[in-house]
């Protein structure tokens, strides 16, 4: 059970209402998802997170789909079901195929396995990587 209640769109006022409208307009969606509704409990956090997300996830040296795939990988490692699902959906909208997502899952699983082996065996980093 969540500690906070979501701020529904029809309850939003002031800054929260403005940000909700901006999210809908920029994402071309009809309603704001639950993540933003929950962050609306703290309008400053909502605003900061929305602004930061737009800045980080826009096309840059990495294209937007690649950024979504990275987001999914980190979300898998952090066990964030919500983020895995929402960013998988976003990646598909940006051109990712189900084969790409399956391969991503294999890479994430392998990386987590070998990372844990390296840590448990306390493997010293080779000089060529320093």
C-alpha atoms as a PDB file:
ATOM      1  CA  UNK A   1       0.000   0.000   0.000  1.00  0.00           C
ATOM      2  CA  UNK A   2       1.367   3.372  -0.991  1.00  0.00           C
ATOM      3  CA  UNK A   3       1.985   6.017   1.642  1.00  0.00           C
ATOM      4  CA  UNK A   4       0.763   8.777  -0.664  1.00  0.00           C
ATOM      5  CA  UNK A   5      -2.304   9.026  -2.849  1.00  0.00           C
ATOM      6  CA  UNK A   6      -1.953   9.938  -6.491  1.00  0.00           C
ATOM      7  CA  UNK A   7      -2.967  13.435  -7.506  1.00  0.00           C
ATOM      8  CA  UNK A   8      -5.502  12.857 -10.240  1.00  0.00           C
ATOM      9  CA  UNK A   9      -5.639  15.243 -13.173  1.00  0.00           C
ATOM     10  CA  UNK A  10      -9.034  16.628 -12.150  1.00  0.00           C
ATOM     11  CA  UNK A  11      -7.573  17.477  -8.707  1.00  0.00           C
ATOM     12  CA  UNK A  12      -4.410  19.148 -10.039  1.00  0.00           C
ATOM     13  CA  UNK A  13      -3.990  22.890  -9.643  1.00  0.00           C
ATOM     14  CA  UNK A  14      -1.297  25.488 -10.220  1.00  0.00           C
ATOM     15  CA  UNK A  15       2.158  24.199 -11.110  1.00  0.00           C
ATOM     16  CA  UNK A  16       1.048  20.558 -11.036  1.00  0.00           C
ATOM     17  CA  UNK A  17      -1.747  21.208 -13.529  1.00  0.00           C
ATOM     18  CA  UNK A  18       0.685  23.082 -15.819  1.00  0.00           C
ATOM     19  CA  UNK A  19       3.214  20.252 -15.707  1.00  0.00           C
ATOM     20  CA  UNK A  20       0.543  17.632 -16.330  1.00  0.00           C
ATOM     21  CA  UNK A  21      -0.581  19.578 -19.410  1.00  0.00           C
ATOM     22  CA  UNK A  22       3.024  19.872 -20.600  1.00  0.00           C
ATOM     23  CA  UNK A  23       3.567  16.125 -20.183  1.00  0.00           C
ATOM     24  CA  UNK A  24       0.426  15.333 -22.176  1.00  0.00           C
ATOM     25  CA  UNK A  25       1.266  17.804 -24.915  1.00  0.00           C
ATOM     26  CA  UNK A  26       4.922  16.794 -25.339  1.00  0.00           C
ATOM     27  CA  UNK A  27       4.198  13.075 -25.160  1.00  0.00           C
ATOM     28  CA  UNK A  28       1.050  13.325 -27.266  1.00  0.00           C
ATOM     29  CA  UNK A  29      -0.995  11.394 -24.699  1.00  0.00           C
ATOM     30  CA  UNK A  30      -4.500  11.865 -23.330  1.00  0.00           C
ATOM     31  CA  UNK A  31      -3.775  11.229 -19.671  1.00  0.00           C
ATOM     32  CA  UNK A  32      -0.820  11.448 -17.313  1.00  0.00           C
ATOM     33  CA  UNK A  33       0.523   8.142 -16.022  1.00  0.00           C
ATOM     34  CA  UNK A  34       0.684   7.072 -12.397  1.00  0.00           C
ATOM     35  CA  UNK A  35       4.360   7.950 -11.902  1.00  0.00           C
ATOM     36  CA  UNK A  36       3.713  11.638 -12.512  1.00  0.00           C
ATOM     37  CA  UNK A  37       0.481  11.559 -10.497  1.00  0.00           C
ATOM     38  CA  UNK A  38       2.402  10.224  -7.503  1.00  0.00           C
ATOM     39  CA  UNK A  39       5.257  12.721  -7.861  1.00  0.00           C
ATOM     40  CA  UNK A  40       2.643  15.474  -7.907  1.00  0.00           C
ATOM     41  CA  UNK A  41       2.477  15.116  -4.121  1.00  0.00           C
ATOM     42  CA  UNK A  42       5.667  17.186  -4.165  1.00  0.00           C
ATOM     43  CA  UNK A  43       5.361  19.752  -6.986  1.00  0.00           C
ATOM     44  CA  UNK A  44       9.052  20.695  -6.879  1.00  0.00           C
ATOM     45  CA  UNK A  45      10.074  17.050  -7.327  1.00  0.00           C
ATOM     46  CA  UNK A  46       7.544  16.664 -10.140  1.00  0.00           C
ATOM     47  CA  UNK A  47       8.906  19.714 -11.945  1.00  0.00           C
ATOM     48  CA  UNK A  48      12.580  18.829 -11.429  1.00  0.00           C
ATOM     49  CA  UNK A  49      12.098  15.219 -12.530  1.00  0.00           C
ATOM     50  CA  UNK A  50      10.064  16.152 -15.617  1.00  0.00           C
ATOM     51  CA  UNK A  51      12.641  18.758 -16.679  1.00  0.00           C
ATOM     52  CA  UNK A  52      15.589  16.437 -16.024  1.00  0.00           C
ATOM     53  CA  UNK A  53      13.978  13.519 -17.834  1.00  0.00           C
ATOM     54  CA  UNK A  54      13.357  15.628 -20.926  1.00  0.00           C
ATOM     55  CA  UNK A  55      16.950  16.871 -20.908  1.00  0.00           C
ATOM     56  CA  UNK A  56      18.558  13.475 -20.413  1.00  0.00           C
ATOM     57  CA  UNK A  57      16.309  11.435 -22.722  1.00  0.00           C
ATOM     58  CA  UNK A  58      16.359  13.748 -25.747  1.00  0.00           C
ATOM     59  CA  UNK A  59      18.423  12.842 -28.801  1.00  0.00           C
ATOM     60  CA  UNK A  60      22.076  13.577 -28.298  1.00  0.00           C
ATOM     61  CA  UNK A  61      25.205  11.532 -28.928  1.00  0.00           C
ATOM     62  CA  UNK A  62      22.904   8.565 -28.260  1.00  0.00           C
ATOM     63  CA  UNK A  63      19.598   8.253 -30.070  1.00  0.00           C
ATOM     64  CA  UNK A  64      16.369   8.153 -28.072  1.00  0.00           C
ATOM     65  CA  UNK A  65      15.756   4.416 -28.572  1.00  0.00           C
ATOM     66  CA  UNK A  66      19.238   3.553 -27.278  1.00  0.00           C
ATOM     67  CA  UNK A  67      18.598   5.713 -24.224  1.00  0.00           C
ATOM     68  CA  UNK A  68      15.332   3.833 -23.598  1.00  0.00           C
ATOM     69  CA  UNK A  69      17.178   0.501 -23.863  1.00  0.00           C
ATOM     70  CA  UNK A  70      19.759   1.675 -21.338  1.00  0.00           C
ATOM     71  CA  UNK A  71      16.941   2.830 -19.070  1.00  0.00           C
ATOM     72  CA  UNK A  72      15.375  -0.631 -19.303  1.00  0.00           C
ATOM     73  CA  UNK A  73      18.694  -2.320 -18.480  1.00  0.00           C
ATOM     74  CA  UNK A  74      19.187  -0.225 -15.363  1.00  0.00           C
ATOM     75  CA  UNK A  75      15.549  -0.745 -14.365  1.00  0.00           C
ATOM     76  CA  UNK A  76      15.955  -4.531 -14.668  1.00  0.00           C
ATOM     77  CA  UNK A  77      19.038  -4.398 -12.458  1.00  0.00           C
ATOM     78  CA  UNK A  78      17.183  -2.216  -9.944  1.00  0.00           C
ATOM     79  CA  UNK A  79      14.088  -4.466 -10.084  1.00  0.00           C
ATOM     80  CA  UNK A  80      11.748  -1.595 -10.982  1.00  0.00           C
ATOM     81  CA  UNK A  81       8.785  -3.306 -12.639  1.00  0.00           C
ATOM     82  CA  UNK A  82       7.064   0.001 -13.368  1.00  0.00           C
ATOM     83  CA  UNK A  83      10.109   1.430 -15.150  1.00  0.00           C
ATOM     84  CA  UNK A  84      10.778  -1.791 -17.074  1.00  0.00           C
ATOM     85  CA  UNK A  85       7.246  -1.775 -18.439  1.00  0.00           C
ATOM     86  CA  UNK A  86       6.957   1.940 -19.158  1.00  0.00           C
ATOM     87  CA  UNK A  87      10.361   2.239 -20.835  1.00  0.00           C
ATOM     88  CA  UNK A  88       9.893  -0.993 -22.798  1.00  0.00           C
ATOM     89  CA  UNK A  89       6.725   0.536 -24.190  1.00  0.00           C
ATOM     90  CA  UNK A  90       8.601   3.762 -24.983  1.00  0.00           C
ATOM     91  CA  UNK A  91      11.440   1.825 -26.653  1.00  0.00           C
ATOM     92  CA  UNK A  92       8.973  -0.048 -28.863  1.00  0.00           C
ATOM     93  CA  UNK A  93       7.350   3.247 -29.872  1.00  0.00           C
ATOM     94  CA  UNK A  94      10.829   4.505 -30.817  1.00  0.00           C
ATOM     95  CA  UNK A  95      11.596   1.481 -32.991  1.00  0.00           C
ATOM     96  CA  UNK A  96      12.815  -1.310 -30.726  1.00  0.00           C
ATOM     97  CA  UNK A  97      11.686  -4.786 -31.703  1.00  0.00           C
ATOM     98  CA  UNK A  98      10.775  -7.628 -29.358  1.00  0.00           C
ATOM     99  CA  UNK A  99      13.939  -9.390 -30.559  1.00  0.00           C
ATOM    100  CA  UNK A 100      15.965  -6.375 -29.438  1.00  0.00           C
ATOM    101  CA  UNK A 101      14.288  -6.432 -26.024  1.00  0.00           C
ATOM    102  CA  UNK A 102      14.915 -10.175 -25.663  1.00  0.00           C
ATOM    103  CA  UNK A 103      18.586  -9.695 -26.555  1.00  0.00           C
ATOM    104  CA  UNK A 104      18.792  -6.808 -24.099  1.00  0.00           C
ATOM    105  CA  UNK A 105      17.423  -9.114 -21.381  1.00  0.00           C
ATOM    106  CA  UNK A 106      20.118 -11.689 -22.180  1.00  0.00           C
ATOM    107  CA  UNK A 107      22.880  -9.065 -21.985  1.00  0.00           C
ATOM    108  CA  UNK A 108      21.557  -7.653 -18.697  1.00  0.00           C
ATOM    109  CA  UNK A 109      21.333 -11.141 -17.208  1.00  0.00           C
ATOM    110  CA  UNK A 110      24.854 -12.007 -18.338  1.00  0.00           C
ATOM    111  CA  UNK A 111      26.284  -8.701 -17.102  1.00  0.00           C
ATOM    112  CA  UNK A 112      24.662  -9.161 -13.694  1.00  0.00           C
ATOM    113  CA  UNK A 113      25.978 -12.725 -13.456  1.00  0.00           C
ATOM    114  CA  UNK A 114      29.551 -11.882 -14.417  1.00  0.00           C
ATOM    115  CA  UNK A 115      29.526  -8.725 -12.264  1.00  0.00           C
ATOM    116  CA  UNK A 116      28.589 -10.828  -9.233  1.00  0.00           C
ATOM    117  CA  UNK A 117      31.272 -13.399 -10.053  1.00  0.00           C
ATOM    118  CA  UNK A 118      33.916 -10.673 -10.372  1.00  0.00           C
ATOM    119  CA  UNK A 119      32.858  -9.169  -7.050  1.00  0.00           C
ATOM    120  CA  UNK A 120      32.633 -12.495  -5.200  1.00  0.00           C
ATOM    121  CA  UNK A 121      36.032 -13.676  -6.480  1.00  0.00           C
ATOM    122  CA  UNK A 122      37.453 -10.170  -5.930  1.00  0.00           C
ATOM    123  CA  UNK A 123      39.070 -10.147  -9.374  1.00  0.00           C
ATOM    124  CA  UNK A 124      41.803  -7.552  -9.721  1.00  0.00           C
ATOM    125  CA  UNK A 125      41.381  -5.227 -12.728  1.00  0.00           C
ATOM    126  CA  UNK A 126      43.894  -6.007 -15.493  1.00  0.00           C
ATOM    127  CA  UNK A 127      46.505  -3.342 -16.185  1.00  0.00           C
ATOM    128  CA  UNK A 128      45.306  -2.945 -19.780  1.00  0.00           C
ATOM    129  CA  UNK A 129      41.962  -1.631 -18.433  1.00  0.00           C
ATOM    130  CA  UNK A 130      43.491   0.917 -16.068  1.00  0.00           C
END
